[in-house]
Amino acid sequence: MEVKIKERALEDVEGFKESHRAWVIDKIMELETEGTNHRNADLIRVNGRQVFKYVMKKGSKGGKDYRAIFDIENNRIEVKAIFHRDKGYDKQMISDRLN
């Protein structure tokens, strides 16, 4: 399934540590082959809407620990937001990105 990373999600990645940026994009592109069946992709509910959360983690404390929120639109995975786990799940930000 095709993966499209929305512009605002790409802007999220620009704020990550330089050494983590390519790793995050590579992990997201794994969704092309596994899609919603990926073992780290889970269905979640945000303001009454079902979307997917994708967990990307490597290492222990202080390691790489990112989340992506994506939806399926027109038979394509659309990544709406990407954030470091330390930022938590800002439901308002996620909701804004889904509109």
C-alpha atoms as a PDB file:
ATOM      1  CA  MET A   1       0.000   0.000   0.000  1.00  0.00           C
ATOM      2  CA  GLU A   2       1.327   3.437  -0.874  1.00  0.00           C
ATOM      3  CA  VAL A   3       2.475   5.625   2.031  1.00  0.00           C
ATOM      4  CA  LYS A   4       2.099   9.401   1.842  1.00  0.00           C
ATOM      5  CA  ILE A   5       3.590  11.539   4.588  1.00  0.00           C
ATOM      6  CA  LYS A   6       1.636  14.777   4.811  1.00  0.00           C
ATOM      7  CA  GLU A   7       3.538  18.071   4.762  1.00  0.00           C
ATOM      8  CA  ARG A   8       2.810  18.872   8.415  1.00  0.00           C
ATOM      9  CA  ALA A   9       4.109  15.432   9.446  1.00  0.00           C
ATOM     10  CA  LEU A  10       7.313  16.073   7.482  1.00  0.00           C
ATOM     11  CA  GLU A  11       7.644  19.355   9.369  1.00  0.00           C
ATOM     12  CA  ASP A  12       7.390  17.348  12.594  1.00  0.00           C
ATOM     13  CA  VAL A  13      10.380  15.240  11.523  1.00  0.00           C
ATOM     14  CA  GLU A  14      12.467  18.353  10.827  1.00  0.00           C
ATOM     15  CA  GLY A  15      12.367  19.069  14.566  1.00  0.00           C
ATOM     16  CA  PHE A  16      13.873  15.692  15.521  1.00  0.00           C
ATOM     17  CA  LYS A  17      17.522  14.993  16.211  1.00  0.00           C
ATOM     18  CA  GLU A  18      19.333  14.844  12.894  1.00  0.00           C
ATOM     19  CA  SER A  19      20.525  11.305  13.585  1.00  0.00           C
ATOM     20  CA  HIS A  20      16.904  10.164  14.078  1.00  0.00           C
ATOM     21  CA  ARG A  21      15.239  11.727  11.019  1.00  0.00           C
ATOM     22  CA  ALA A  22      16.173   9.146   8.368  1.00  0.00           C
ATOM     23  CA  TRP A  23      15.495   6.300  10.796  1.00  0.00           C
ATOM     24  CA  VAL A  24      11.950   7.576  11.441  1.00  0.00           C
ATOM     25  CA  ILE A  25      11.202   7.925   7.717  1.00  0.00           C
ATOM     26  CA  ASP A  26      12.608   4.439   7.020  1.00  0.00           C
ATOM     27  CA  LYS A  27      10.429   2.949   9.766  1.00  0.00           C
ATOM     28  CA  ILE A  28       7.336   4.674   8.394  1.00  0.00           C
ATOM     29  CA  MET A  29       8.067   3.352   4.914  1.00  0.00           C
ATOM     30  CA  GLU A  30       7.886  -0.196   6.340  1.00  0.00           C
ATOM     31  CA  LEU A  31       4.131   0.380   6.333  1.00  0.00           C
ATOM     32  CA  GLU A  32       4.205   0.064   2.515  1.00  0.00           C
ATOM     33  CA  THR A  33       4.597  -3.694   2.807  1.00  0.00           C
ATOM     34  CA  GLU A  34       2.816  -4.416   6.079  1.00  0.00           C
ATOM     35  CA  GLY A  35       0.259  -1.620   6.335  1.00  0.00           C
ATOM     36  CA  THR A  36      -2.206  -1.916   9.188  1.00  0.00           C
ATOM     37  CA  ASN A  37      -1.014  -5.484   9.807  1.00  0.00           C
ATOM     38  CA  HIS A  38       2.347  -4.232  11.085  1.00  0.00           C
ATOM     39  CA  ARG A  39       2.870  -5.539  14.617  1.00  0.00           C
ATOM     40  CA  ASN A  40       3.446  -1.973  15.871  1.00  0.00           C
ATOM     41  CA  ALA A  41       0.298  -0.476  14.300  1.00  0.00           C
ATOM     42  CA  ASP A  42      -2.805  -0.240  16.488  1.00  0.00           C
ATOM     43  CA  LEU A  43      -6.238   1.206  15.970  1.00  0.00           C
ATOM     44  CA  ILE A  44      -6.993   4.070  18.386  1.00  0.00           C
ATOM     45  CA  ARG A  45      -9.863   6.493  18.843  1.00  0.00           C
ATOM     46  CA  VAL A  46      -9.330  10.256  18.720  1.00  0.00           C
ATOM     47  CA  ASN A  47     -12.397  12.423  19.363  1.00  0.00           C
ATOM     48  CA  GLY A  48     -14.697   9.625  18.250  1.00  0.00           C
ATOM     49  CA  ARG A  49     -12.733   8.851  15.097  1.00  0.00           C
ATOM     50  CA  GLN A  50     -10.722   5.687  14.550  1.00  0.00           C
ATOM     51  CA  VAL A  51      -7.173   6.128  13.261  1.00  0.00           C
ATOM     52  CA  PHE A  52      -3.951   4.170  13.531  1.00  0.00           C
ATOM     53  CA  LYS A  53      -1.010   4.702  15.861  1.00  0.00           C
ATOM     54  CA  TYR A  54       2.350   3.330  14.752  1.00  0.00           C
ATOM     55  CA  VAL A  55       5.072   2.834  17.379  1.00  0.00           C
ATOM     56  CA  MET A  56       8.713   3.186  16.315  1.00  0.00           C
ATOM     57  CA  LYS A  57      11.148   2.343  19.081  1.00  0.00           C
ATOM     58  CA  LYS A  58      14.809   1.396  19.334  1.00  0.00           C
ATOM     59  CA  GLY A  59      16.950   1.265  22.439  1.00  0.00           C
ATOM     60  CA  SER A  60      16.072   1.961  26.034  1.00  0.00           C
ATOM     61  CA  LYS A  61      15.693   5.218  27.926  1.00  0.00           C
ATOM     62  CA  GLY A  62      16.997   8.075  25.826  1.00  0.00           C
ATOM     63  CA  GLY A  63      16.724   5.982  22.670  1.00  0.00           C
ATOM     64  CA  LYS A  64      14.510   6.392  19.654  1.00  0.00           C
ATOM     65  CA  ASP A  65      10.857   6.341  20.695  1.00  0.00           C
ATOM     66  CA  TYR A  66       8.485   7.903  18.162  1.00  0.00           C
ATOM     67  CA  ARG A  67       4.825   7.653  17.224  1.00  0.00           C
ATOM     68  CA  ALA A  68       3.052   8.260  13.939  1.00  0.00           C
ATOM     69  CA  ILE A  69      -0.669   8.771  13.510  1.00  0.00           C
ATOM     70  CA  PHE A  70      -2.042   7.636  10.185  1.00  0.00           C
ATOM     71  CA  ASP A  71      -5.304   7.018   8.416  1.00  0.00           C
ATOM     72  CA  ILE A  72      -6.314   5.085   5.313  1.00  0.00           C
ATOM     73  CA  GLU A  73      -7.626   7.334   2.543  1.00  0.00           C
ATOM     74  CA  ASN A  74      -8.231   6.287  -1.062  1.00  0.00           C
ATOM     75  CA  ASN A  75      -6.475   2.964  -0.403  1.00  0.00           C
ATOM     76  CA  ARG A  76      -3.356   4.838   0.727  1.00  0.00           C
ATOM     77  CA  ILE A  77      -1.728   5.277   4.131  1.00  0.00           C
ATOM     78  CA  GLU A  78      -1.649   8.982   4.978  1.00  0.00           C
ATOM     79  CA  VAL A  79       0.658   9.867   7.855  1.00  0.00           C
ATOM     80  CA  LYS A  80      -0.820  12.886   9.610  1.00  0.00           C
ATOM     81  CA  ALA A  81       1.482  13.440  12.606  1.00  0.00           C
ATOM     82  CA  ILE A  82       4.824  12.174  13.898  1.00  0.00           C
ATOM     83  CA  PHE A  83       6.070  12.911  17.403  1.00  0.00           C
ATOM     84  CA  HIS A  84       8.507  11.762  20.059  1.00  0.00           C
ATOM     85  CA  ARG A  85       6.891   9.764  22.837  1.00  0.00           C
ATOM     86  CA  ASP A  86       8.174  12.252  25.421  1.00  0.00           C
ATOM     87  CA  LYS A  87       5.754  14.816  23.998  1.00  0.00           C
ATOM     88  CA  GLY A  88       2.853  12.540  24.924  1.00  0.00           C
ATOM     89  CA  TYR A  89      -0.349  12.204  22.992  1.00  0.00           C
ATOM     90  CA  ASP A  90      -1.696  15.693  22.380  1.00  0.00           C
ATOM     91  CA  LYS A  91      -5.231  14.726  21.379  1.00  0.00           C
ATOM     92  CA  GLN A  92      -6.023  18.260  20.213  1.00  0.00           C
ATOM     93  CA  MET A  93      -2.996  18.346  17.887  1.00  0.00           C
ATOM     94  CA  ILE A  94      -3.861  14.908  16.536  1.00  0.00           C
ATOM     95  CA  SER A  95      -7.495  15.907  16.063  1.00  0.00           C
ATOM     96  CA  ASP A  96      -6.442  19.079  14.223  1.00  0.00           C
ATOM     97  CA  ARG A  97      -4.236  17.044  11.885  1.00  0.00           C
ATOM     98  CA  LEU A  98      -7.088  14.689  11.022  1.00  0.00           C
ATOM     99  CA  ASN A  99      -9.257  17.514   9.688  1.00  0.00           C
END
